[in-house]
Each structure stands twice: as C-alpha cells, then as structure tokens.
C-alpha cells in the first residue's frame, strides 16, 4: 500500500490511498485492488446524561482500511480525537476503539457546557461525516433571588408566594405545608377549597387567617435527583384573644388552685396575671406561673396558687397584649367548704371519718373579653 501524504481532508487528517497499478520485476504491469471506500454503519444514537455522569457517543465505520476516524465539536469545530488519540487538552475527553470498527467518544464527568452535537468524520475525499448529540440533564436548583422569602401580613390580608427553579428538564414546582395541614385556597367569589398539594410557581393566599400561619414548602423536581425545597414562613399578625374554659374555680383551704387561660396572638403577646384588677402577680412562693405552647400563635397560661387560704379569694385576670391590641379573661376563685363528722358506735372500736363537700353554685357572670386594637 502506498500512502499519499499530500492527499489530506479538510480537517487535516492524512488520507491514505491504495495504488491502482504496480510494475513487476519483469516490467509487466499488474492490476491492484481499487481504493477502499469506508462508510458509516447506521446513524449515531443521541444520548442523554445527567450532569456529573458519563456520556458516550458511538460511531461505527466499515472498510476503514488506512483511513482515520476523528471526533470534533460541531458547534465550534474543535478537534477532540484522531483515531485512537485525544488531541484536545480537555482531560474529561477519552476515545475508545471497540471491535476494530467502532469509535466511542466519552465525556466524564459531563458538564452543562458539553451539551450539543458532535461530528464523527472519516478523512475520505470528499470527507464523510455524521452527527450525534448529547443532552445534559441538570437537577433542579431553586433561585432564591426570584423566590419569596418569609412573609408577614395582617389577618384578612392577601399575599402570593413565588418559587422559581432552574434545571433541565424544566423543574416542576409543588407546594405543601410543613405541618401536613391543608393549604386553604379562595377564589374570586370567595369559595374556599382545601388541598394537600398545590402545583405551580405561584401560590395565592387570600384573606388569610391565623390558621394559615406556618411554614410552606416549595419543592422543585424534574426526575433528575435530588429534588430540592425551600421553606417559607408565613406570619399572620392579629390582636390577642383570650378564652377561659372554667370561669369559676372552687378549692378547699390548704389545697392548690390551678387557673387556666388560652391566649391566641401574633406577634407573641406579653402575658400577665392580675388579682382583683389591681395587683399584678409575680412568680414566687405562693404563685407558680407556667405556659404551654399549643401552636405558633396559641398558648395556655397556667397559674397555680399554692396552699390556698381565704386571702386568695377573689377575681384573677389573665391579660395578653401585643402591638395589635390587648385582651383579658376573668376567673373567680372561691372556697369549697369542707365539713367533717366522726360518728361512734358501741359495737366496734373503729372510727370512720367521712368528708362532705359542699359546692356553692355561683352564676357565670364573667364572659370572655375580645381583643382590642
């Protein structure tokens, strides 16, 4: 075989050529085989790979002979490989020749910049080429600057939560409440519906009330793991309200009395106990003050009066106030009289004691006082 060094393809590959005739020792001419005519066996299959993974394009050629196969980036014409040799400085690029007629272009780890089409060339004249394309999928990424941050609004107000995400394919956006409660939706006519999941980049909150307060999760996914989420807090400001379940509490002398109020308020209220509308109570030997958080906006106030005696009789007021207003509730504390009798008999030396508790019914004259703005 005689290689014609001067016959090169437009890409610079040396194009070998077989001589069509030769002279024997006797001087007689002999006929040699014609020049090989390599060609592609089927199209290059396009591939899809997730960013960071391996992407492989395969180019299969028949009758290659002394010709060369190369890969190049179709977009900018950058030559990547020639035959079995990598000529680019990109260390993520490799080439592998399989079963003597298949050239595999490999990119690992694949990046977004690798998305596009690649050309497999045979340095024939004219040059033969075909394209194979790589699509690079990218997991979702929430765009903080284009998404909502924590929101504070007045009860009865409106807001729209927004969530934007990038990725390929385009991410899907769904909303959930972190506490698993339903999302409340109101249409233009005021009709209310409740859903566990809301689809879309924008979540409308209309005429919000305190029950809609809490953390909302924006979740972006596109089947390329991992899915991502953003937590957005919705705060609803409203004036305090106080409810008292038991407005009359009776206890025997020497026992502990427990008084309770339920306070709803946001921002969190300043909470105090007042006796007979004039004496502000402080925590100490006689008074134990605790509270239990029932929700982000609801608290149970608890006042324990130790070793009750007649000086503790009176009306106790639980007071709650914040920047939105003030509210209070009243509890009347009274004494339960205890009488003790000790009957005796002539037939036994045992003494039995029975206690009779007299309950004094007092009309329910105290009602809940609503919040003031």
Protein backbone atom coordinates (compact mmCIF):
# COMPACT_ATOMS: atom_id res chain seq x y z
CA UNK A 1 0.00 0.00 0.00
CA UNK A 2 1.28 3.43 -0.92
CA UNK A 3 0.18 6.33 1.32
CA UNK A 4 -0.39 9.62 -0.45
CA UNK A 5 0.79 12.03 2.24
CA UNK A 6 -0.31 15.07 0.26
CA UNK A 7 -3.93 13.96 -0.01
CA UNK A 8 -5.48 15.34 3.17
CA UNK A 9 -9.02 16.02 4.21
CA UNK A 10 -10.29 19.47 5.19
CA UNK A 11 -9.74 18.56 8.82
CA UNK A 12 -6.07 17.83 8.31
CA UNK A 13 -6.35 14.04 8.58
CA UNK A 14 -3.95 12.19 6.28
CA UNK A 15 -5.98 10.39 3.65
CA UNK A 16 -4.31 7.07 2.61
CA UNK A 17 -4.72 5.83 -0.88
CA UNK A 18 -4.01 2.38 -2.38
CA UNK A 19 -2.06 2.36 -5.67
CA UNK A 20 -4.10 1.21 -8.64
CA UNK A 21 -1.12 -0.33 -10.53
CA UNK A 22 2.42 -1.55 -9.96
CA UNK A 23 5.35 -2.84 -12.06
CA UNK A 24 6.59 -6.39 -11.60
CA UNK A 25 10.21 -7.44 -11.78
CA UNK A 26 9.70 -8.40 -15.44
CA UNK A 27 8.35 -4.94 -16.19
CA UNK A 28 4.81 -6.13 -16.86
CA UNK A 29 2.00 -4.15 -15.25
CA UNK A 30 -0.33 -5.84 -12.73
CA UNK A 31 -3.75 -4.67 -11.52
CA UNK A 32 -4.14 -3.89 -7.79
CA UNK A 33 -7.38 -3.57 -5.76
CA UNK A 34 -9.23 -0.29 -6.05
CA UNK A 35 -9.14 2.31 -3.24
CA UNK A 36 -11.19 1.36 -0.15
CA UNK A 37 -14.45 3.22 0.34
CA UNK A 38 -15.23 3.34 4.08
CA UNK A 39 -18.68 4.33 5.20
CA UNK A 40 -20.84 4.59 8.33
CA UNK A 41 -22.93 1.69 9.55
CA UNK A 42 -26.11 3.36 10.73
CA UNK A 43 -26.61 6.74 12.41
CA UNK A 44 -25.08 7.82 15.71
CA UNK A 45 -27.56 7.41 18.55
CA UNK A 46 -28.15 10.59 20.53
CA UNK A 47 -27.64 10.22 24.28
CA UNK A 48 -28.85 11.91 27.45
CA UNK A 49 -26.76 12.03 30.61
CA UNK A 50 -27.13 13.70 33.98
CA UNK A 51 -24.53 16.29 34.84
CA UNK A 52 -21.56 14.64 36.53
CA UNK A 53 -22.14 11.27 34.89
CA UNK A 54 -20.69 9.55 31.79
CA UNK A 55 -21.82 10.37 28.22
CA UNK A 56 -20.83 8.09 25.32
CA UNK A 57 -21.33 8.60 21.57
CA UNK A 58 -20.56 5.64 19.27
CA UNK A 59 -19.55 5.91 15.61
CA UNK A 60 -19.28 2.64 13.62
CA UNK A 61 -17.43 2.52 10.29
CA UNK A 62 -16.92 -0.27 7.74
CA UNK A 63 -13.94 -0.81 5.39
CA UNK A 64 -11.80 1.70 7.25
CA UNK A 65 -8.51 0.39 5.86
CA UNK A 66 -5.83 3.02 6.42
CA UNK A 67 -8.28 5.90 6.76
CA UNK A 68 -8.73 7.76 10.04
CA UNK A 69 -11.78 8.48 12.14
CA UNK A 70 -11.96 11.62 14.24
CA UNK A 71 -14.37 13.42 16.58
CA UNK A 72 -14.93 17.16 16.76
CA UNK A 73 -17.35 19.57 18.46
CA UNK A 74 -19.78 20.59 15.73
CA UNK A 75 -20.57 23.97 17.25
CA UNK A 76 -17.07 25.45 17.15
CA UNK A 77 -15.10 22.91 15.10
CA UNK A 78 -12.77 21.95 17.96
CA UNK A 79 -10.97 18.68 17.10
CA UNK A 80 -11.19 16.29 20.03
CA UNK A 81 -9.74 12.97 18.83
CA UNK A 82 -7.98 11.48 15.81
CA UNK A 83 -8.18 7.72 15.50
CA UNK A 84 -7.14 6.41 18.96
CA UNK A 85 -5.50 9.64 20.10
CA UNK A 86 -7.00 12.51 22.13
CA UNK A 87 -5.80 15.85 20.78
CA UNK A 88 -7.77 18.21 22.99
CA UNK A 89 -6.46 19.44 26.35
CA UNK A 90 -9.81 18.62 27.93
CA UNK A 91 -8.92 15.82 30.34
CA UNK A 92 -12.56 14.73 30.56
CA UNK A 93 -12.46 13.51 26.94
CA UNK A 94 -11.36 9.98 26.03
CA UNK A 95 -11.74 7.81 22.93
CA UNK A 96 -12.03 4.05 22.78
CA UNK A 97 -11.99 1.83 19.70
CA UNK A 98 -14.24 -1.15 20.09
CA UNK A 99 -14.41 -4.27 17.85
CA UNK A 100 -12.00 -2.55 15.40
CA UNK A 101 -14.71 -0.51 13.70
CA UNK A 102 -16.48 1.47 16.45
CA UNK A 103 -15.05 4.69 17.89
CA UNK A 104 -16.58 5.75 21.20
CA UNK A 105 -16.26 9.36 22.32
CA UNK A 106 -16.55 9.52 26.13
CA UNK A 107 -17.00 12.55 28.37
CA UNK A 108 -16.75 12.06 32.11
CA UNK A 109 -17.86 13.85 34.19
CA UNK A 110 -20.16 15.51 31.70
CA UNK A 111 -20.91 19.21 32.21
CA UNK A 112 -23.65 21.54 31.02
CA UNK A 113 -21.17 23.06 28.56
CA UNK A 114 -20.89 19.65 26.86
CA UNK A 115 -24.50 19.86 25.67
CA UNK A 116 -24.61 19.93 21.87
CA UNK A 117 -23.75 17.92 18.77
CA UNK A 118 -20.51 16.15 17.89
CA UNK A 119 -19.24 15.21 14.44
CA UNK A 120 -17.70 11.86 13.56
CA UNK A 121 -15.52 12.22 10.43
CA UNK A 122 -13.79 9.87 8.02
CA UNK A 123 -10.94 11.54 6.12
CA UNK A 124 -12.08 10.42 2.71
CA UNK A 125 -12.29 12.80 -0.25
CA UNK A 126 -14.83 14.24 -0.04
CA UNK A 127 -14.92 13.93 3.76
CA UNK A 128 -17.70 11.80 5.21
CA UNK A 129 -19.34 12.88 8.45
CA UNK A 130 -22.35 12.36 10.65
CA UNK A 131 -23.62 13.98 13.86
CA UNK A 132 -24.53 12.67 17.27
CA UNK A 133 -25.87 14.89 20.05
CA UNK A 134 -25.59 14.90 23.83
CA UNK A 135 -28.29 16.35 26.03
CA UNK A 136 -27.15 17.07 29.58
CA UNK A 137 -29.80 16.93 32.28
CA UNK A 138 -29.35 19.11 35.36
CA UNK A 139 -31.03 18.61 38.77
CA UNK A 140 -33.27 21.45 39.97
CA UNK A 141 -31.90 24.47 41.77
CA UNK A 142 -34.22 26.97 43.46
CA UNK A 143 -33.42 30.57 42.53
CA UNK A 144 -33.52 32.40 45.86
CA UNK A 145 -33.43 35.88 44.35
CA UNK A 146 -36.51 35.12 42.26
CA UNK A 147 -38.39 33.32 45.06
CA UNK A 148 -40.27 34.58 48.08
CA UNK A 149 -38.69 34.95 51.48
CA UNK A 150 -40.59 34.86 54.78
CA UNK A 151 -43.84 36.83 54.68
CA UNK A 152 -45.67 38.80 57.40
CA UNK A 153 -49.17 40.18 56.81
CA UNK A 154 -52.26 41.27 58.70
CA UNK A 155 -55.09 38.84 59.32
CA UNK A 156 -57.50 39.17 56.40
CA UNK A 157 -54.75 40.32 54.04
CA UNK A 158 -53.55 38.82 50.75
CA UNK A 159 -50.18 37.56 49.55
CA UNK A 160 -48.66 35.49 46.74
CA UNK A 161 -45.77 33.12 47.42
CA UNK A 162 -43.42 32.66 44.46
CA UNK A 163 -40.87 29.94 43.76
CA UNK A 164 -38.59 29.79 40.73
CA UNK A 165 -36.21 26.96 39.88
CA UNK A 166 -33.65 26.22 37.17
CA UNK A 167 -32.79 22.81 35.77
CA UNK A 168 -33.13 20.60 32.73
CA UNK A 169 -35.77 19.40 32.07
CA UNK A 170 -37.70 22.38 33.43
CA UNK A 171 -38.47 21.61 37.09
CA UNK A 172 -41.99 21.08 38.37
CA UNK A 173 -42.99 23.17 41.40
CA UNK A 174 -45.37 21.92 44.10
CA UNK A 175 -46.33 23.45 47.45
CA UNK A 176 -47.03 21.69 50.75
CA UNK A 177 -47.46 22.77 54.34
CA UNK A 178 -44.66 21.58 56.59
CA UNK A 179 -47.09 20.54 59.33
CA UNK A 180 -49.09 18.41 56.88
CA UNK A 181 -52.18 20.59 57.20
CA UNK A 182 -54.24 21.59 54.17
CA UNK A 183 -53.49 24.63 52.04
CA UNK A 184 -56.53 26.93 52.03
CA UNK A 185 -57.49 28.49 48.68
CA UNK A 186 -60.14 31.13 47.99
CA UNK A 187 -61.33 32.04 44.52
CA UNK A 188 -62.63 35.43 43.37
CA UNK A 189 -66.16 34.63 44.51
CA UNK A 190 -64.92 33.75 48.00
CA UNK A 191 -65.41 29.99 47.72
CA UNK A 192 -62.99 28.04 49.89
CA UNK A 193 -61.20 24.84 48.93
CA UNK A 194 -58.54 22.85 50.75
CA UNK A 195 -55.74 20.88 49.09
CA UNK A 196 -52.75 18.94 50.39
CA UNK A 197 -50.60 19.82 47.37
CA UNK A 198 -50.71 22.88 45.12
CA UNK A 199 -49.00 22.89 41.71
CA UNK A 200 -47.41 25.95 40.17
CA UNK A 201 -44.74 28.55 40.72
CA UNK A 202 -47.10 30.99 42.48
CA UNK A 203 -49.26 30.16 45.50
CA UNK A 204 -52.02 32.73 46.13
CA UNK A 205 -53.05 33.30 49.75
CA UNK A 206 -56.28 35.28 50.00
CA UNK A 207 -57.93 36.70 53.13
CA UNK A 208 -55.57 34.75 55.32
CA UNK A 209 -56.45 33.91 58.89
CA UNK A 210 -54.36 32.74 61.82
CA UNK A 211 -54.87 29.07 60.94
CA UNK A 212 -52.96 29.60 57.70
CA UNK A 213 -49.88 30.68 59.62
CA UNK A 214 -46.90 28.35 59.40
CA UNK A 215 -44.14 27.02 57.15
CA UNK A 216 -44.84 26.39 53.47
CA UNK A 217 -42.51 24.19 51.42
CA UNK A 218 -41.76 24.91 47.78
CA UNK A 219 -40.50 21.63 46.24
CA UNK A 220 -38.78 21.51 42.83
CA UNK A 221 -38.18 18.25 40.94
CA UNK A 222 -37.50 17.16 37.36
CA UNK A 223 -36.72 13.42 37.69
CA UNK A 224 -33.01 14.23 37.99
CA UNK A 225 -32.12 13.67 41.65
CA UNK A 226 -32.03 15.23 44.06
CA UNK A 227 -35.25 17.23 44.42
CA UNK A 228 -34.81 20.46 46.38
CA UNK A 229 -37.09 22.54 48.58
CA UNK A 230 -37.30 25.97 50.16
CA UNK A 231 -39.04 26.74 53.44
CA UNK A 232 -41.07 29.95 53.54
CA UNK A 233 -42.65 31.11 56.81
CA UNK A 234 -46.00 32.90 56.68
CA UNK A 235 -46.65 35.06 59.76
CA UNK A 236 -50.14 36.47 60.33
CA UNK A 237 -50.38 39.40 62.75
CA UNK A 238 -53.57 39.77 64.81
CA UNK A 239 -54.69 41.20 68.14
CA UNK A 240 -54.84 38.88 71.17
CA UNK A 241 -57.93 36.94 72.13
CA UNK A 242 -58.40 35.22 75.48
CA UNK A 243 -60.70 32.31 76.25
CA UNK A 244 -61.43 30.84 79.69
CA UNK A 245 -62.94 27.37 79.82
CA UNK A 246 -63.63 27.41 83.58
CA UNK A 247 -64.57 30.85 84.87
CA UNK A 248 -65.42 29.66 88.40
CA UNK A 249 -62.91 27.59 90.32
CA UNK A 250 -63.51 26.29 93.84
CA UNK A 251 -60.88 24.70 96.09
CA UNK A 252 -60.74 23.64 99.76
CA UNK A 253 -58.48 25.52 102.12
CA UNK A 254 -54.94 24.17 102.10
CA UNK A 255 -55.15 22.79 98.54
CA UNK A 256 -53.50 24.09 95.37
CA UNK A 257 -55.65 26.01 92.88
CA UNK A 258 -54.97 25.82 89.13
CA UNK A 259 -56.27 28.58 86.84
CA UNK A 260 -56.00 28.42 83.05
CA UNK A 261 -56.47 30.78 80.08
CA UNK A 262 -55.99 30.16 76.37
CA UNK A 263 -54.33 33.07 74.54
CA UNK A 264 -54.15 33.47 70.77
CA UNK A 265 -51.94 36.28 69.46
CA UNK A 266 -49.24 37.11 66.96
CA UNK A 267 -46.71 38.55 67.44
CA UNK A 268 -46.38 36.72 70.71
CA UNK A 269 -48.22 38.52 73.50
CA UNK A 270 -46.92 39.79 76.80
CA UNK A 271 -48.85 37.76 79.37
CA UNK A 272 -49.60 38.74 82.99
CA UNK A 273 -51.90 37.77 85.86
CA UNK A 274 -53.74 40.43 87.89
CA UNK A 275 -55.67 39.87 91.11
CA UNK A 276 -58.84 41.86 91.79
CA UNK A 277 -57.96 44.18 88.89
CA UNK A 278 -55.18 45.93 90.79
CA UNK A 279 -52.45 43.58 92.00
CA UNK A 280 -50.04 42.25 89.38
CA UNK A 281 -48.83 38.83 90.46
CA UNK A 282 -45.20 37.80 90.37
CA UNK A 283 -43.73 34.35 90.41
CA UNK A 284 -42.74 33.28 93.89
CA UNK A 285 -43.53 31.04 96.85
CA UNK A 286 -47.30 31.43 96.59
CA UNK A 287 -47.67 31.71 92.82
CA UNK A 288 -46.28 29.39 90.12
CA UNK A 289 -46.72 30.66 86.55
CA UNK A 290 -46.24 28.42 83.53
CA UNK A 291 -47.36 28.25 79.93
CA UNK A 292 -47.72 25.63 77.23
CA UNK A 293 -47.23 26.38 73.52
CA UNK A 294 -50.16 24.87 71.64
CA UNK A 295 -49.31 26.30 68.21
CA UNK A 296 -47.19 29.11 66.75
CA UNK A 297 -49.85 31.57 67.90
CA UNK A 298 -51.67 29.81 70.77
CA UNK A 299 -50.51 29.49 74.40
CA UNK A 300 -52.10 28.08 77.55
CA UNK A 301 -51.42 30.31 80.57
CA UNK A 302 -51.35 28.44 83.90
CA UNK A 303 -51.41 30.00 87.36
CA UNK A 304 -51.00 27.68 90.35
CA UNK A 305 -51.85 29.15 93.76
CA UNK A 306 -50.10 27.16 96.46
CA UNK A 307 -51.73 26.29 99.81
CA UNK A 308 -54.98 28.17 99.17
CA UNK A 309 -56.45 30.21 102.04
CA UNK A 310 -59.13 32.88 102.39
CA UNK A 311 -56.74 35.67 101.48
CA UNK A 312 -56.53 34.16 97.99
CA UNK A 313 -60.25 34.61 97.33
CA UNK A 314 -61.13 36.96 94.51
CA UNK A 315 -61.08 37.51 90.78
CA UNK A 316 -57.99 36.70 88.75
CA UNK A 317 -57.48 38.28 85.35
CA UNK A 318 -55.21 36.85 82.63
CA UNK A 319 -54.05 39.68 80.37
CA UNK A 320 -52.40 39.45 76.95
CA UNK A 321 -51.15 42.36 74.84
CA UNK A 322 -49.09 42.90 71.69
CA UNK A 323 -48.63 45.64 69.11
CA UNK A 324 -52.02 44.77 67.60
CA UNK A 325 -54.11 45.15 70.78
CA UNK A 326 -54.99 43.79 74.20
CA UNK A 327 -57.41 41.25 75.70
CA UNK A 328 -58.16 39.67 79.06
CA UNK A 329 -60.20 36.95 80.70
CA UNK A 330 -61.53 36.58 84.27
CA UNK A 331 -61.60 33.65 86.66
CA UNK A 332 -63.30 33.81 90.08
CA UNK A 333 -61.72 31.75 92.82
CA UNK A 334 -63.90 30.68 95.75
CA UNK A 335 -63.63 28.37 98.73
CA UNK A 336 -65.16 24.93 98.91
CA UNK A 337 -66.26 24.38 102.49
CA UNK A 338 -65.39 21.01 103.98
CA UNK A 339 -67.28 19.55 106.99
CA UNK A 340 -66.00 16.54 108.91
CA UNK A 341 -68.12 14.23 111.11
CA UNK A 342 -66.86 11.41 113.34
CA UNK A 343 -69.71 9.04 114.27
CA UNK A 344 -69.05 6.44 117.01
CA UNK A 345 -70.71 3.11 117.77
CA UNK A 346 -70.85 0.79 120.83
CA UNK A 347 -70.19 -2.35 118.85
CA UNK A 348 -66.73 -1.54 117.49
CA UNK A 349 -63.65 0.36 118.41
CA UNK A 350 -63.05 1.53 114.81
CA UNK A 351 -63.61 5.18 113.99
CA UNK A 352 -64.66 6.09 110.47
CA UNK A 353 -64.42 9.59 109.04
CA UNK A 354 -66.42 10.87 106.10
CA UNK A 355 -65.98 14.17 104.34
CA UNK A 356 -68.87 16.02 102.80
CA UNK A 357 -68.01 18.70 100.24
CA UNK A 358 -70.48 21.49 99.85
CA UNK A 359 -70.36 23.00 96.35
CA UNK A 360 -71.53 26.58 96.13
CA UNK A 361 -73.06 27.29 92.74
CA UNK A 362 -72.25 30.78 91.57
CA UNK A 363 -73.78 32.22 88.39
CA UNK A 364 -71.46 32.52 85.39
CA UNK A 365 -71.33 36.28 85.23
CA UNK A 366 -67.92 36.68 83.62
CA UNK A 367 -67.51 36.39 79.93
CA UNK A 368 -64.59 36.41 77.53
CA UNK A 369 -63.26 39.80 76.61
CA UNK A 370 -62.32 40.10 72.96
CA UNK A 371 -59.15 41.70 71.62
CA UNK A 372 -58.90 45.46 71.30
CA UNK A 373 -57.00 47.18 68.53
